[in-house]
Amino acid sequence: MNQKTVKITALTVEELAKLLSQAGRKAISGQEVLAIAEAAGIVRPGGMINLIEYTAFLAREVAGGAD
């Protein structure tokens, strides 16, 4: 079995979309992931996204934007 190791602090848009889709059992597109990451200002050079920052942004949004 040859599985690629996932680095949660540096995921591509497509890797994150696939991971979120599998975890949530609901399809999410790369475009949706990118739009959220851009709104959060967390897209790193090379288009990489940190899953922890992405999740923290979503949690703040659900909590009403409170810091």
PDB file of N, CA and C in Angstrom:
ATOM      1  N   MET A   1       0.849  -1.177   0.000  1.00  0.00           N
ATOM      2  CA  MET A   1       0.000   0.000   0.000  1.00  0.00           C
ATOM      3  C   MET A   1       0.894   1.239   0.000  1.00  0.00           C
ATOM      4  N   ASN A   2       0.773   2.059  -1.018  1.00  0.00           N
ATOM      5  CA  ASN A   2       1.598   3.256  -1.156  1.00  0.00           C
ATOM      6  C   ASN A   2       0.719   4.487  -1.012  1.00  0.00           C
ATOM      7  N   GLN A   3       0.582   4.989   0.217  1.00  0.00           N
ATOM      8  CA  GLN A   3      -0.253   6.159   0.452  1.00  0.00           C
ATOM      9  C   GLN A   3       0.614   7.377   0.675  1.00  0.00           C
ATOM     10  N   LYS A   4       0.171   8.485   0.126  1.00  0.00           N
ATOM     11  CA  LYS A   4       0.861   9.745   0.292  1.00  0.00           C
ATOM     12  C   LYS A   4       0.575  10.295   1.692  1.00  0.00           C
ATOM     13  N   THR A   5       1.608  10.774   2.363  1.00  0.00           N
ATOM     14  CA  THR A   5       1.434  11.381   3.670  1.00  0.00           C
ATOM     15  C   THR A   5       0.838  12.774   3.497  1.00  0.00           C
ATOM     16  N   VAL A   6      -0.154  13.075   4.304  1.00  0.00           N
ATOM     17  CA  VAL A   6      -0.822  14.377   4.245  1.00  0.00           C
ATOM     18  C   VAL A   6      -0.212  15.279   5.303  1.00  0.00           C
ATOM     19  N   LYS A   7       0.218  16.449   4.887  1.00  0.00           N
ATOM     20  CA  LYS A   7       0.754  17.443   5.811  1.00  0.00           C
ATOM     21  C   LYS A   7      -0.346  18.482   6.020  1.00  0.00           C
ATOM     22  N   ILE A   8      -1.008  18.442   7.171  1.00  0.00           N
ATOM     23  CA  ILE A   8      -2.185  19.285   7.388  1.00  0.00           C
ATOM     24  C   ILE A   8      -1.876  20.776   7.439  1.00  0.00           C
ATOM     25  N   THR A   9      -0.607  21.125   7.551  1.00  0.00           N
ATOM     26  CA  THR A   9      -0.245  22.543   7.573  1.00  0.00           C
ATOM     27  C   THR A   9       0.112  23.068   6.191  1.00  0.00           C
ATOM     28  N   ALA A  10       0.056  22.211   5.179  1.00  0.00           N
ATOM     29  CA  ALA A  10       0.373  22.636   3.816  1.00  0.00           C
ATOM     30  C   ALA A  10      -0.343  21.737   2.815  1.00  0.00           C
ATOM     31  N   LEU A  11      -1.636  22.005   2.635  1.00  0.00           N
ATOM     32  CA  LEU A  11      -2.459  21.236   1.703  1.00  0.00           C
ATOM     33  C   LEU A  11      -2.771  22.070   0.469  1.00  0.00           C
ATOM     34  N   THR A  12      -2.840  21.409  -0.681  1.00  0.00           N
ATOM     35  CA  THR A  12      -3.321  22.105  -1.859  1.00  0.00           C
ATOM     36  C   THR A  12      -4.837  22.248  -1.740  1.00  0.00           C
ATOM     37  N   VAL A  13      -5.400  23.098  -2.564  1.00  0.00           N
ATOM     38  CA  VAL A  13      -6.851  23.297  -2.567  1.00  0.00           C
ATOM     39  C   VAL A  13      -7.556  21.975  -2.819  1.00  0.00           C
ATOM     40  N   GLU A  14      -7.083  21.222  -3.787  1.00  0.00           N
ATOM     41  CA  GLU A  14      -7.730  19.953  -4.132  1.00  0.00           C
ATOM     42  C   GLU A  14      -7.573  18.906  -3.022  1.00  0.00           C
ATOM     43  N   GLU A  15      -6.408  18.869  -2.382  1.00  0.00           N
ATOM     44  CA  GLU A  15      -6.220  17.938  -1.263  1.00  0.00           C
ATOM     45  C   GLU A  15      -7.177  18.259  -0.126  1.00  0.00           C
ATOM     46  N   LEU A  16      -7.310  19.543   0.190  1.00  0.00           N
ATOM     47  CA  LEU A  16      -8.202  19.950   1.269  1.00  0.00           C
ATOM     48  C   LEU A  16      -9.659  19.669   0.910  1.00  0.00           C
ATOM     49  N   ALA A  17     -10.044  19.935  -0.321  1.00  0.00           N
ATOM     50  CA  ALA A  17     -11.415  19.656  -0.755  1.00  0.00           C
ATOM     51  C   ALA A  17     -11.721  18.161  -0.634  1.00  0.00           C
ATOM     52  N   LYS A  18     -10.788  17.326  -1.039  1.00  0.00           N
ATOM     53  CA  LYS A  18     -10.984  15.877  -0.959  1.00  0.00           C
ATOM     54  C   LYS A  18     -11.080  15.429   0.499  1.00  0.00           C
ATOM     55  N   LEU A  19     -10.197  15.945   1.342  1.00  0.00           N
ATOM     56  CA  LEU A  19     -10.198  15.595   2.755  1.00  0.00           C
ATOM     57  C   LEU A  19     -11.505  15.993   3.428  1.00  0.00           C
ATOM     58  N   LEU A  20     -11.955  17.218   3.170  1.00  0.00           N
ATOM     59  CA  LEU A  20     -13.204  17.699   3.767  1.00  0.00           C
ATOM     60  C   LEU A  20     -14.414  16.924   3.248  1.00  0.00           C
ATOM     61  N   SER A  21     -14.393  16.603   1.966  1.00  0.00           N
ATOM     62  CA  SER A  21     -15.495  15.832   1.381  1.00  0.00           C
ATOM     63  C   SER A  21     -15.596  14.447   2.008  1.00  0.00           C
ATOM     64  N   GLN A  22     -14.455  13.812   2.211  1.00  0.00           N
ATOM     65  CA  GLN A  22     -14.447  12.481   2.822  1.00  0.00           C
ATOM     66  C   GLN A  22     -14.863  12.544   4.287  1.00  0.00           C
ATOM     67  N   ALA A  23     -14.406  13.541   4.992  1.00  0.00           N
ATOM     68  CA  ALA A  23     -14.707  13.655   6.417  1.00  0.00           C
ATOM     69  C   ALA A  23     -16.166  14.013   6.665  1.00  0.00           C
ATOM     70  N   GLY A  24     -16.709  14.864   5.799  1.00  0.00           N
ATOM     71  CA  GLY A  24     -18.076  15.316   6.004  1.00  0.00           C
ATOM     72  C   GLY A  24     -19.118  14.547   5.235  1.00  0.00           C
ATOM     73  N   ARG A  25     -18.680  13.627   4.405  1.00  0.00           N
ATOM     74  CA  ARG A  25     -19.587  12.830   3.577  1.00  0.00           C
ATOM     75  C   ARG A  25     -20.479  13.707   2.704  1.00  0.00           C
ATOM     76  N   LYS A  26     -19.954  14.895   2.365  1.00  0.00           N
ATOM     77  CA  LYS A  26     -20.646  15.820   1.472  1.00  0.00           C
ATOM     78  C   LYS A  26     -19.584  16.424   0.565  1.00  0.00           C
ATOM     79  N   ALA A  27     -19.857  16.427  -0.711  1.00  0.00           N
ATOM     80  CA  ALA A  27     -18.864  16.939  -1.657  1.00  0.00           C
ATOM     81  C   ALA A  27     -18.656  18.440  -1.485  1.00  0.00           C
ATOM     82  N   ILE A  28     -17.393  18.846  -1.475  1.00  0.00           N
ATOM     83  CA  ILE A  28     -17.023  20.255  -1.477  1.00  0.00           C
ATOM     84  C   ILE A  28     -15.979  20.414  -2.578  1.00  0.00           C
ATOM     85  N   SER A  29     -16.151  21.425  -3.372  1.00  0.00           N
ATOM     86  CA  SER A  29     -15.260  21.607  -4.520  1.00  0.00           C
ATOM     87  C   SER A  29     -14.022  22.397  -4.135  1.00  0.00           C
ATOM     88  N   GLY A  30     -13.017  22.279  -4.961  1.00  0.00           N
ATOM     89  CA  GLY A  30     -11.818  23.079  -4.783  1.00  0.00           C
ATOM     90  C   GLY A  30     -12.126  24.564  -4.847  1.00  0.00           C
ATOM     91  N   GLN A  31     -13.067  24.952  -5.687  1.00  0.00           N
ATOM     92  CA  GLN A  31     -13.456  26.357  -5.799  1.00  0.00           C
ATOM     93  C   GLN A  31     -14.055  26.865  -4.495  1.00  0.00           C
ATOM     94  N   GLU A  32     -14.865  26.030  -3.851  1.00  0.00           N
ATOM     95  CA  GLU A  32     -15.469  26.413  -2.566  1.00  0.00           C
ATOM     96  C   GLU A  32     -14.390  26.567  -1.490  1.00  0.00           C
ATOM     97  N   VAL A  33     -13.472  25.629  -1.449  1.00  0.00           N
ATOM     98  CA  VAL A  33     -12.373  25.685  -0.485  1.00  0.00           C
ATOM     99  C   VAL A  33     -11.550  26.943  -0.715  1.00  0.00           C
ATOM    100  N   LEU A  34     -11.210  27.208  -1.960  1.00  0.00           N
ATOM    101  CA  LEU A  34     -10.391  28.369  -2.286  1.00  0.00           C
ATOM    102  C   LEU A  34     -11.098  29.672  -1.920  1.00  0.00           C
ATOM    103  N   ALA A  35     -12.386  29.766  -2.187  1.00  0.00           N
ATOM    104  CA  ALA A  35     -13.141  30.984  -1.854  1.00  0.00           C
ATOM    105  C   ALA A  35     -13.116  31.239  -0.350  1.00  0.00           C
ATOM    106  N   ILE A  36     -13.292  30.195   0.436  1.00  0.00           N
ATOM    107  CA  ILE A  36     -13.269  30.336   1.891  1.00  0.00           C
ATOM    108  C   ILE A  36     -11.864  30.720   2.366  1.00  0.00           C
ATOM    109  N   ALA A  37     -10.853  30.045   1.842  1.00  0.00           N
ATOM    110  CA  ALA A  37      -9.475  30.325   2.244  1.00  0.00           C
ATOM    111  C   ALA A  37      -9.057  31.740   1.867  1.00  0.00           C
ATOM    112  N   GLU A  38      -9.488  32.204   0.703  1.00  0.00           N
ATOM    113  CA  GLU A  38      -9.170  33.572   0.294  1.00  0.00           C
ATOM    114  C   GLU A  38      -9.880  34.585   1.191  1.00  0.00           C
ATOM    115  N   ALA A  39     -11.134  34.319   1.532  1.00  0.00           N
ATOM    116  CA  ALA A  39     -11.875  35.208   2.434  1.00  0.00           C
ATOM    117  C   ALA A  39     -11.202  35.276   3.798  1.00  0.00           C
ATOM    118  N   ALA A  40     -10.614  34.168   4.221  1.00  0.00           N
ATOM    119  CA  ALA A  40      -9.925  34.113   5.507  1.00  0.00           C
ATOM    120  C   ALA A  40      -8.520  34.698   5.438  1.00  0.00           C
ATOM    121  N   GLY A  41      -8.015  34.865   4.221  1.00  0.00           N
ATOM    122  CA  GLY A  41      -6.656  35.380   4.047  1.00  0.00           C
ATOM    123  C   GLY A  41      -5.592  34.390   4.463  1.00  0.00           C
ATOM    124  N   ILE A  42      -5.843  33.103   4.210  1.00  0.00           N
ATOM    125  CA  ILE A  42      -4.914  32.065   4.677  1.00  0.00           C
ATOM    126  C   ILE A  42      -4.267  31.264   3.549  1.00  0.00           C
ATOM    127  N   VAL A  43      -4.379  31.732   2.321  1.00  0.00           N
ATOM    128  CA  VAL A  43      -3.733  31.027   1.212  1.00  0.00           C
ATOM    129  C   VAL A  43      -2.251  31.416   1.217  1.00  0.00           C
ATOM    130  N   ARG A  44      -1.402  30.436   1.349  1.00  0.00           N
ATOM    131  CA  ARG A  44       0.049  30.641   1.418  1.00  0.00           C
ATOM    132  C   ARG A  44       0.661  30.621   0.020  1.00  0.00           C
ATOM    133  N   PRO A  45       1.908  31.045  -0.085  1.00  0.00           N
ATOM    134  CA  PRO A  45       2.597  30.968  -1.376  1.00  0.00           C
ATOM    135  C   PRO A  45       2.509  29.555  -1.953  1.00  0.00           C
ATOM    136  N   GLY A  46       2.321  29.479  -3.228  1.00  0.00           N
ATOM    137  CA  GLY A  46       2.171  28.189  -3.883  1.00  0.00           C
ATOM    138  C   GLY A  46       0.767  27.628  -3.761  1.00  0.00           C
ATOM    139  N   GLY A  47      -0.156  28.414  -3.186  1.00  0.00           N
ATOM    140  CA  GLY A  47      -1.543  27.988  -3.073  1.00  0.00           C
ATOM    141  C   GLY A  47      -1.818  27.012  -1.945  1.00  0.00           C
ATOM    142  N   MET A  48      -0.904  26.903  -0.994  1.00  0.00           N
ATOM    143  CA  MET A  48      -1.067  25.959   0.110  1.00  0.00           C
ATOM    144  C   MET A  48      -1.962  26.544   1.205  1.00  0.00           C
ATOM    145  N   ILE A  49      -2.698  25.656   1.861  1.00  0.00           N
ATOM    146  CA  ILE A  49      -3.629  26.051   2.919  1.00  0.00           C
ATOM    147  C   ILE A  49      -3.369  25.192   4.150  1.00  0.00           C
ATOM    148  N   ASN A  50      -3.396  25.828   5.315  1.00  0.00           N
ATOM    149  CA  ASN A  50      -3.219  25.150   6.594  1.00  0.00           C
ATOM    150  C   ASN A  50      -4.605  24.736   7.095  1.00  0.00           C
ATOM    151  N   LEU A  51      -4.808  23.448   7.285  1.00  0.00           N
ATOM    152  CA  LEU A  51      -6.101  22.933   7.736  1.00  0.00           C
ATOM    153  C   LEU A  51      -6.502  23.518   9.088  1.00  0.00           C
ATOM    154  N   ILE A  52      -5.548  23.733   9.962  1.00  0.00           N
ATOM    155  CA  ILE A  52      -5.854  24.272  11.292  1.00  0.00           C
ATOM    156  C   ILE A  52      -6.384  25.698  11.171  1.00  0.00           C
ATOM    157  N   GLU A  53      -5.728  26.526  10.357  1.00  0.00           N
ATOM    158  CA  GLU A  53      -6.196  27.899  10.147  1.00  0.00           C
ATOM    159  C   GLU A  53      -7.556  27.915   9.457  1.00  0.00           C
ATOM    160  N   TYR A  54      -7.749  27.020   8.517  1.00  0.00           N
ATOM    161  CA  TYR A  54      -9.012  26.921   7.781  1.00  0.00           C
ATOM    162  C   TYR A  54     -10.149  26.578   8.751  1.00  0.00           C
ATOM    163  N   THR A  55      -9.913  25.579   9.595  1.00  0.00           N
ATOM    164  CA  THR A  55     -10.914  25.156  10.564  1.00  0.00           C
ATOM    165  C   THR A  55     -11.199  26.253  11.588  1.00  0.00           C
ATOM    166  N   ALA A  56     -10.157  26.932  12.034  1.00  0.00           N
ATOM    167  CA  ALA A  56     -10.334  28.029  13.001  1.00  0.00           C
ATOM    168  C   ALA A  56     -11.178  29.146  12.396  1.00  0.00           C
ATOM    169  N   PHE A  57     -10.949  29.456  11.136  1.00  0.00           N
ATOM    170  CA  PHE A  57     -11.741  30.485  10.463  1.00  0.00           C
ATOM    171  C   PHE A  57     -13.213  30.076  10.424  1.00  0.00           C
ATOM    172  N   LEU A  58     -13.472  28.830  10.047  1.00  0.00           N
ATOM    173  CA  LEU A  58     -14.869  28.364   9.987  1.00  0.00           C
ATOM    174  C   LEU A  58     -15.520  28.402  11.363  1.00  0.00           C
ATOM    175  N   ALA A  59     -14.782  28.023  12.385  1.00  0.00           N
ATOM    176  CA  ALA A  59     -15.312  28.048  13.755  1.00  0.00           C
ATOM    177  C   ALA A  59     -15.665  29.476  14.165  1.00  0.00           C
ATOM    178  N   ARG A  60     -14.801  30.439  13.820  1.00  0.00           N
ATOM    179  CA  ARG A  60     -15.107  31.848  14.139  1.00  0.00           C
ATOM    180  C   ARG A  60     -16.352  32.307  13.406  1.00  0.00           C
ATOM    181  N   GLU A  61     -16.492  31.892  12.164  1.00  0.00           N
ATOM    182  CA  GLU A  61     -17.670  32.276  11.376  1.00  0.00           C
ATOM    183  C   GLU A  61     -18.953  31.729  12.015  1.00  0.00           C
ATOM    184  N   VAL A  62     -18.906  30.479  12.438  1.00  0.00           N
ATOM    185  CA  VAL A  62     -20.072  29.860  13.061  1.00  0.00           C
ATOM    186  C   VAL A  62     -20.400  30.550  14.380  1.00  0.00           C
ATOM    187  N   ALA A  63     -19.368  31.008  15.086  1.00  0.00           N
ATOM    188  CA  ALA A  63     -19.552  31.677  16.371  1.00  0.00           C
ATOM    189  C   ALA A  63     -19.925  33.159  16.203  1.00  0.00           C
ATOM    190  N   GLY A  64     -20.143  33.571  14.978  1.00  0.00           N
ATOM    191  CA  GLY A  64     -20.528  34.955  14.740  1.00  0.00           C
ATOM    192  C   GLY A  64     -19.368  35.913  14.541  1.00  0.00           C
ATOM    193  N   GLY A  65     -18.204  35.384  14.182  1.00  0.00           N
ATOM    194  CA  GLY A  65     -17.053  36.232  13.916  1.00  0.00           C
ATOM    195  C   GLY A  65     -16.317  36.689  15.146  1.00  0.00           C
ATOM    196  N   ALA A  66     -16.661  36.148  16.303  1.00  0.00           N
ATOM    197  CA  ALA A  66     -15.988  36.544  17.551  1.00  0.00           C
ATOM    198  C   ALA A  66     -14.553  36.027  17.574  1.00  0.00           C
ATOM    199  N   ASP A  67     -13.657  36.841  18.107  1.00  0.00           N
ATOM    200  CA  ASP A  67     -12.248  36.417  18.252  1.00  0.00           C
ATOM    201  C   ASP A  67     -11.982  35.870  19.618  1.00  0.00           C
TER     202      ASP A  67
END
